[in-house]
Amino acid sequence: MAIITLQRVYDFSVPAPEHCYLIDRLWPRGVSKERLEGVQWLKTVAPDTALRQWFHLHTDQWEEFERRYRRQLAENDAWRPLASLLQQGQPLTLLYGSKDTEHNQGVVLRDFLLAQI
């Protein structure tokens, strides 16, 4: 069974578990690189800049954000190594910066990955 843990990067503390990834396009404000030691930054799986900025202005349009981000993921192979780890039974930890724990790119990426395996 595939296990994906989502965690807000501001609540994260080291040591990082194996297969722990920061999935934001921008480095989180106020978080040092030392604090995320052992975490890999996969900004290429994050929504592109235009979508990220659009969602920041349209947080009430969650379904549209999901649709657009899923389309971006489908057109991008950056998520494939994550799916491969899941297929091998490896658990993943995905870190995101959003304050909203229910409506962020981590939720969409998790569901997308689970649908792929």
N, C-alpha and C. Protein backbone atom coordinates (compact mmCIF):
# COMPACT_ATOMS: atom_id res chain seq x y z
N MET A 1 0.84 -1.20 0.00
CA MET A 1 0.00 0.00 0.00
C MET A 1 0.87 1.24 0.00
N ALA A 2 0.52 2.20 -0.83
CA ALA A 2 1.28 3.44 -0.95
C ALA A 2 0.97 4.38 0.22
N ILE A 3 2.03 4.91 0.80
CA ILE A 3 1.87 5.85 1.91
C ILE A 3 2.50 7.17 1.52
N ILE A 4 1.68 8.22 1.53
CA ILE A 4 2.16 9.57 1.26
C ILE A 4 1.74 10.44 2.43
N THR A 5 2.73 11.02 3.10
CA THR A 5 2.47 11.92 4.21
C THR A 5 2.62 13.35 3.71
N LEU A 6 1.62 14.16 3.96
CA LEU A 6 1.70 15.59 3.65
C LEU A 6 1.98 16.34 4.93
N GLN A 7 2.89 17.30 4.86
CA GLN A 7 3.20 18.08 6.05
C GLN A 7 3.56 19.50 5.65
N ARG A 8 3.10 20.41 6.44
CA ARG A 8 3.43 21.82 6.22
C ARG A 8 4.90 22.02 6.58
N VAL A 9 5.65 22.64 5.69
CA VAL A 9 7.10 22.78 5.88
C VAL A 9 7.43 23.56 7.15
N TYR A 10 6.57 24.47 7.55
CA TYR A 10 6.83 25.28 8.75
C TYR A 10 6.65 24.47 10.04
N ASP A 11 6.00 23.32 9.95
CA ASP A 11 5.82 22.43 11.10
C ASP A 11 6.82 21.29 11.11
N PHE A 12 7.67 21.23 10.11
CA PHE A 12 8.61 20.13 9.93
C PHE A 12 9.87 20.34 10.75
N SER A 13 10.38 19.26 11.30
CA SER A 13 11.68 19.33 11.97
C SER A 13 12.50 18.10 11.60
N VAL A 14 13.81 18.29 11.53
CA VAL A 14 14.71 17.19 11.19
C VAL A 14 14.79 16.21 12.35
N PRO A 15 15.17 15.00 12.15
CA PRO A 15 15.73 14.48 10.90
C PRO A 15 14.64 14.18 9.88
N ALA A 16 15.01 14.40 8.62
CA ALA A 16 14.07 14.14 7.54
C ALA A 16 13.97 12.64 7.30
N PRO A 17 12.76 12.15 7.10
CA PRO A 17 12.64 10.73 6.75
C PRO A 17 13.20 10.51 5.34
N GLU A 18 13.52 9.27 5.05
CA GLU A 18 13.96 8.95 3.70
C GLU A 18 12.83 9.30 2.74
N HIS A 19 13.17 9.78 1.57
CA HIS A 19 12.20 10.15 0.53
C HIS A 19 11.28 11.29 1.01
N CYS A 20 11.91 12.36 1.45
CA CYS A 20 11.20 13.56 1.89
C CYS A 20 11.48 14.67 0.87
N TYR A 21 10.41 15.31 0.39
CA TYR A 21 10.54 16.28 -0.71
C TYR A 21 9.78 17.57 -0.42
N LEU A 22 10.44 18.70 -0.69
CA LEU A 22 9.77 19.99 -0.69
C LEU A 22 9.20 20.16 -2.08
N ILE A 23 7.90 20.43 -2.18
CA ILE A 23 7.23 20.45 -3.48
C ILE A 23 6.71 21.84 -3.85
N ASP A 24 7.31 22.87 -3.28
CA ASP A 24 6.95 24.25 -3.62
C ASP A 24 7.89 24.77 -4.71
N ARG A 25 7.39 25.64 -5.57
CA ARG A 25 8.21 26.25 -6.61
C ARG A 25 9.21 27.23 -6.01
N LEU A 26 8.80 27.93 -4.94
CA LEU A 26 9.66 28.90 -4.27
C LEU A 26 10.13 28.34 -2.93
N TRP A 27 11.34 28.68 -2.55
CA TRP A 27 11.83 28.27 -1.24
C TRP A 27 10.99 28.96 -0.17
N PRO A 28 10.58 28.24 0.87
CA PRO A 28 9.71 28.83 1.89
C PRO A 28 10.39 29.96 2.66
N ARG A 29 9.69 31.06 2.78
CA ARG A 29 10.21 32.25 3.44
C ARG A 29 10.55 31.94 4.90
N GLY A 30 11.75 32.34 5.31
CA GLY A 30 12.15 32.20 6.70
C GLY A 30 12.65 30.82 7.09
N VAL A 31 12.74 29.91 6.14
CA VAL A 31 13.21 28.55 6.43
C VAL A 31 14.63 28.41 5.87
N SER A 32 15.57 28.08 6.74
CA SER A 32 16.95 27.93 6.29
C SER A 32 17.16 26.58 5.61
N LYS A 33 18.17 26.52 4.78
CA LYS A 33 18.52 25.26 4.12
C LYS A 33 18.93 24.23 5.17
N GLU A 34 19.58 24.67 6.24
CA GLU A 34 20.00 23.76 7.30
C GLU A 34 18.79 23.11 7.98
N ARG A 35 17.72 23.87 8.12
CA ARG A 35 16.52 23.33 8.77
C ARG A 35 15.91 22.19 7.96
N LEU A 36 16.12 22.22 6.66
CA LEU A 36 15.57 21.18 5.79
C LEU A 36 16.66 20.22 5.30
N GLU A 37 17.67 20.05 6.11
CA GLU A 37 18.74 19.12 5.76
C GLU A 37 18.16 17.72 5.52
N GLY A 38 18.56 17.13 4.41
CA GLY A 38 18.06 15.80 4.05
C GLY A 38 16.79 15.82 3.23
N VAL A 39 16.22 17.00 3.02
CA VAL A 39 15.00 17.14 2.21
C VAL A 39 15.41 17.52 0.79
N GLN A 40 14.84 16.84 -0.18
CA GLN A 40 15.12 17.17 -1.57
C GLN A 40 14.06 18.16 -2.08
N TRP A 41 14.52 19.15 -2.81
CA TRP A 41 13.62 20.17 -3.34
C TRP A 41 13.23 19.80 -4.77
N LEU A 42 11.95 19.50 -4.98
CA LEU A 42 11.44 19.14 -6.30
C LEU A 42 10.52 20.24 -6.83
N LYS A 43 11.09 21.38 -7.12
CA LYS A 43 10.25 22.49 -7.56
C LYS A 43 9.63 22.23 -8.92
N THR A 44 10.17 21.26 -9.67
CA THR A 44 9.61 20.98 -10.99
C THR A 44 8.26 20.27 -10.93
N VAL A 45 7.88 19.72 -9.76
CA VAL A 45 6.54 19.11 -9.65
C VAL A 45 5.50 20.12 -9.17
N ALA A 46 5.95 21.29 -8.77
CA ALA A 46 5.03 22.32 -8.27
C ALA A 46 4.28 22.96 -9.43
N PRO A 47 3.14 23.57 -9.14
CA PRO A 47 2.45 24.33 -10.19
C PRO A 47 3.37 25.40 -10.76
N ASP A 48 3.25 25.68 -12.04
CA ASP A 48 4.11 26.72 -12.61
C ASP A 48 3.76 28.08 -12.01
N THR A 49 4.60 29.05 -12.28
CA THR A 49 4.45 30.37 -11.67
C THR A 49 3.10 30.99 -11.97
N ALA A 50 2.65 30.90 -13.21
CA ALA A 50 1.38 31.50 -13.59
C ALA A 50 0.22 30.87 -12.81
N LEU A 51 0.20 29.56 -12.69
CA LEU A 51 -0.88 28.89 -11.96
C LEU A 51 -0.80 29.20 -10.47
N ARG A 52 0.41 29.20 -9.94
CA ARG A 52 0.58 29.53 -8.52
C ARG A 52 0.03 30.93 -8.22
N GLN A 53 0.37 31.89 -9.06
CA GLN A 53 -0.11 33.26 -8.87
C GLN A 53 -1.61 33.35 -9.08
N TRP A 54 -2.14 32.64 -10.05
CA TRP A 54 -3.58 32.64 -10.29
C TRP A 54 -4.32 32.11 -9.06
N PHE A 55 -3.86 30.99 -8.52
CA PHE A 55 -4.55 30.40 -7.37
C PHE A 55 -4.46 31.31 -6.14
N HIS A 56 -3.36 32.02 -6.01
CA HIS A 56 -3.23 32.95 -4.88
C HIS A 56 -4.35 34.01 -4.93
N LEU A 57 -4.77 34.38 -6.14
CA LEU A 57 -5.83 35.38 -6.30
C LEU A 57 -7.22 34.76 -6.35
N HIS A 58 -7.30 33.45 -6.56
CA HIS A 58 -8.59 32.78 -6.74
C HIS A 58 -8.69 31.55 -5.83
N THR A 59 -8.42 31.70 -4.57
CA THR A 59 -8.44 30.56 -3.66
C THR A 59 -9.82 29.93 -3.53
N ASP A 60 -10.85 30.65 -3.95
CA ASP A 60 -12.21 30.11 -3.89
C ASP A 60 -12.51 29.18 -5.07
N GLN A 61 -11.58 29.06 -6.00
CA GLN A 61 -11.80 28.23 -7.19
C GLN A 61 -10.92 26.97 -7.14
N TRP A 62 -11.05 26.23 -6.04
CA TRP A 62 -10.24 25.04 -5.81
C TRP A 62 -10.35 24.01 -6.93
N GLU A 63 -11.56 23.72 -7.38
CA GLU A 63 -11.74 22.70 -8.41
C GLU A 63 -11.03 23.08 -9.71
N GLU A 64 -11.06 24.35 -10.05
CA GLU A 64 -10.37 24.81 -11.26
C GLU A 64 -8.86 24.71 -11.09
N PHE A 65 -8.36 25.05 -9.90
CA PHE A 65 -6.93 24.88 -9.64
C PHE A 65 -6.53 23.41 -9.78
N GLU A 66 -7.32 22.53 -9.18
CA GLU A 66 -7.05 21.08 -9.28
C GLU A 66 -6.98 20.64 -10.73
N ARG A 67 -7.95 21.05 -11.52
CA ARG A 67 -8.01 20.67 -12.93
C ARG A 67 -6.76 21.14 -13.68
N ARG A 68 -6.41 22.41 -13.47
CA ARG A 68 -5.25 22.97 -14.18
C ARG A 68 -3.94 22.33 -13.72
N TYR A 69 -3.81 22.10 -12.43
CA TYR A 69 -2.57 21.51 -11.92
C TYR A 69 -2.45 20.05 -12.37
N ARG A 70 -3.53 19.31 -12.36
CA ARG A 70 -3.49 17.93 -12.86
C ARG A 70 -3.07 17.89 -14.33
N ARG A 71 -3.55 18.85 -15.10
CA ARG A 71 -3.16 18.92 -16.51
C ARG A 71 -1.65 19.19 -16.62
N GLN A 72 -1.14 20.11 -15.78
CA GLN A 72 0.29 20.37 -15.80
C GLN A 72 1.09 19.12 -15.42
N LEU A 73 0.62 18.41 -14.42
CA LEU A 73 1.32 17.19 -14.01
C LEU A 73 1.32 16.15 -15.12
N ALA A 74 0.20 16.02 -15.81
CA ALA A 74 0.09 15.04 -16.89
C ALA A 74 1.05 15.37 -18.04
N GLU A 75 1.38 16.64 -18.20
CA GLU A 75 2.28 17.07 -19.27
C GLU A 75 3.74 17.12 -18.84
N ASN A 76 4.03 16.73 -17.59
CA ASN A 76 5.36 16.86 -17.01
C ASN A 76 5.77 15.52 -16.41
N ASP A 77 6.97 15.08 -16.65
CA ASP A 77 7.43 13.80 -16.12
C ASP A 77 8.10 13.90 -14.76
N ALA A 78 8.15 15.07 -14.16
CA ALA A 78 8.88 15.26 -12.91
C ALA A 78 8.34 14.41 -11.76
N TRP A 79 7.08 14.01 -11.83
CA TRP A 79 6.45 13.22 -10.77
C TRP A 79 6.76 11.73 -10.88
N ARG A 80 7.26 11.29 -12.01
CA ARG A 80 7.47 9.86 -12.25
C ARG A 80 8.40 9.19 -11.23
N PRO A 81 9.51 9.82 -10.82
CA PRO A 81 10.35 9.19 -9.80
C PRO A 81 9.60 8.97 -8.48
N LEU A 82 8.69 9.87 -8.14
CA LEU A 82 7.89 9.71 -6.92
C LEU A 82 6.96 8.51 -7.06
N ALA A 83 6.32 8.39 -8.21
CA ALA A 83 5.43 7.25 -8.44
C ALA A 83 6.21 5.94 -8.42
N SER A 84 7.41 5.97 -8.95
CA SER A 84 8.25 4.78 -8.95
C SER A 84 8.58 4.33 -7.52
N LEU A 85 8.90 5.29 -6.66
CA LEU A 85 9.17 4.96 -5.26
C LEU A 85 7.94 4.34 -4.60
N LEU A 86 6.78 4.91 -4.88
CA LEU A 86 5.54 4.36 -4.32
C LEU A 86 5.29 2.94 -4.81
N GLN A 87 5.55 2.69 -6.08
CA GLN A 87 5.36 1.35 -6.63
C GLN A 87 6.29 0.34 -5.99
N GLN A 88 7.44 0.81 -5.50
CA GLN A 88 8.39 -0.06 -4.81
C GLN A 88 8.05 -0.21 -3.33
N GLY A 89 6.96 0.41 -2.90
CA GLY A 89 6.55 0.31 -1.50
C GLY A 89 7.22 1.30 -0.57
N GLN A 90 7.89 2.29 -1.13
CA GLN A 90 8.57 3.30 -0.32
C GLN A 90 7.58 4.39 0.09
N PRO A 91 7.55 4.77 1.36
CA PRO A 91 6.69 5.89 1.77
C PRO A 91 7.32 7.22 1.37
N LEU A 92 6.48 8.19 1.08
CA LEU A 92 6.93 9.53 0.71
C LEU A 92 6.43 10.55 1.73
N THR A 93 7.22 11.57 1.96
CA THR A 93 6.78 12.73 2.72
C THR A 93 6.88 13.93 1.79
N LEU A 94 5.77 14.64 1.62
CA LEU A 94 5.72 15.82 0.76
C LEU A 94 5.50 17.05 1.63
N LEU A 95 6.40 18.02 1.52
CA LEU A 95 6.33 19.24 2.31
C LEU A 95 5.85 20.38 1.43
N TYR A 96 4.96 21.18 1.97
CA TYR A 96 4.42 22.34 1.24
C TYR A 96 4.37 23.53 2.20
N GLY A 97 4.27 24.73 1.67
CA GLY A 97 4.30 25.92 2.49
C GLY A 97 2.95 26.53 2.80
N SER A 98 1.92 26.14 2.11
CA SER A 98 0.60 26.76 2.26
C SER A 98 0.06 26.66 3.68
N LYS A 99 -0.65 27.69 4.08
CA LYS A 99 -1.32 27.67 5.39
C LYS A 99 -2.54 26.76 5.37
N ASP A 100 -3.16 26.63 4.21
CA ASP A 100 -4.36 25.82 4.05
C ASP A 100 -3.96 24.35 3.88
N THR A 101 -4.28 23.54 4.85
CA THR A 101 -3.86 22.14 4.82
C THR A 101 -4.76 21.27 3.96
N GLU A 102 -5.90 21.79 3.53
CA GLU A 102 -6.83 21.00 2.72
C GLU A 102 -6.84 21.39 1.25
N HIS A 103 -6.38 22.61 0.95
CA HIS A 103 -6.42 23.11 -0.42
C HIS A 103 -5.03 23.64 -0.79
N ASN A 104 -4.16 22.72 -1.21
CA ASN A 104 -2.82 23.11 -1.62
C ASN A 104 -2.32 22.09 -2.65
N GLN A 105 -1.20 22.40 -3.28
CA GLN A 105 -0.71 21.53 -4.34
C GLN A 105 -0.32 20.15 -3.83
N GLY A 106 0.03 20.02 -2.57
CA GLY A 106 0.37 18.71 -2.02
C GLY A 106 -0.80 17.75 -2.06
N VAL A 107 -1.98 18.24 -1.79
CA VAL A 107 -3.19 17.40 -1.83
C VAL A 107 -3.42 16.91 -3.26
N VAL A 108 -3.28 17.79 -4.22
CA VAL A 108 -3.49 17.41 -5.62
C VAL A 108 -2.41 16.44 -6.08
N LEU A 109 -1.16 16.73 -5.73
CA LEU A 109 -0.06 15.85 -6.13
C LEU A 109 -0.21 14.47 -5.51
N ARG A 110 -0.57 14.41 -4.23
CA ARG A 110 -0.78 13.11 -3.57
C ARG A 110 -1.85 12.30 -4.31
N ASP A 111 -2.98 12.91 -4.56
CA ASP A 111 -4.08 12.20 -5.23
C ASP A 111 -3.68 11.79 -6.66
N PHE A 112 -2.95 12.66 -7.33
CA PHE A 112 -2.49 12.36 -8.69
C PHE A 112 -1.55 11.15 -8.67
N LEU A 113 -0.60 11.15 -7.73
CA LEU A 113 0.35 10.04 -7.63
C LEU A 113 -0.36 8.73 -7.32
N LEU A 114 -1.29 8.77 -6.39
CA LEU A 114 -2.02 7.56 -6.02
C LEU A 114 -2.81 7.01 -7.21
N ALA A 115 -3.32 7.90 -8.04
CA ALA A 115 -4.07 7.47 -9.22
C ALA A 115 -3.16 6.83 -10.27
N GLN A 116 -1.86 7.16 -10.23
CA GLN A 116 -0.92 6.65 -11.22
C GLN A 116 -0.44 5.24 -10.92
N ILE A 117 -0.53 4.84 -9.66
CA ILE A 117 0.06 3.53 -9.32
C ILE A 117 -0.96 2.46 -9.17
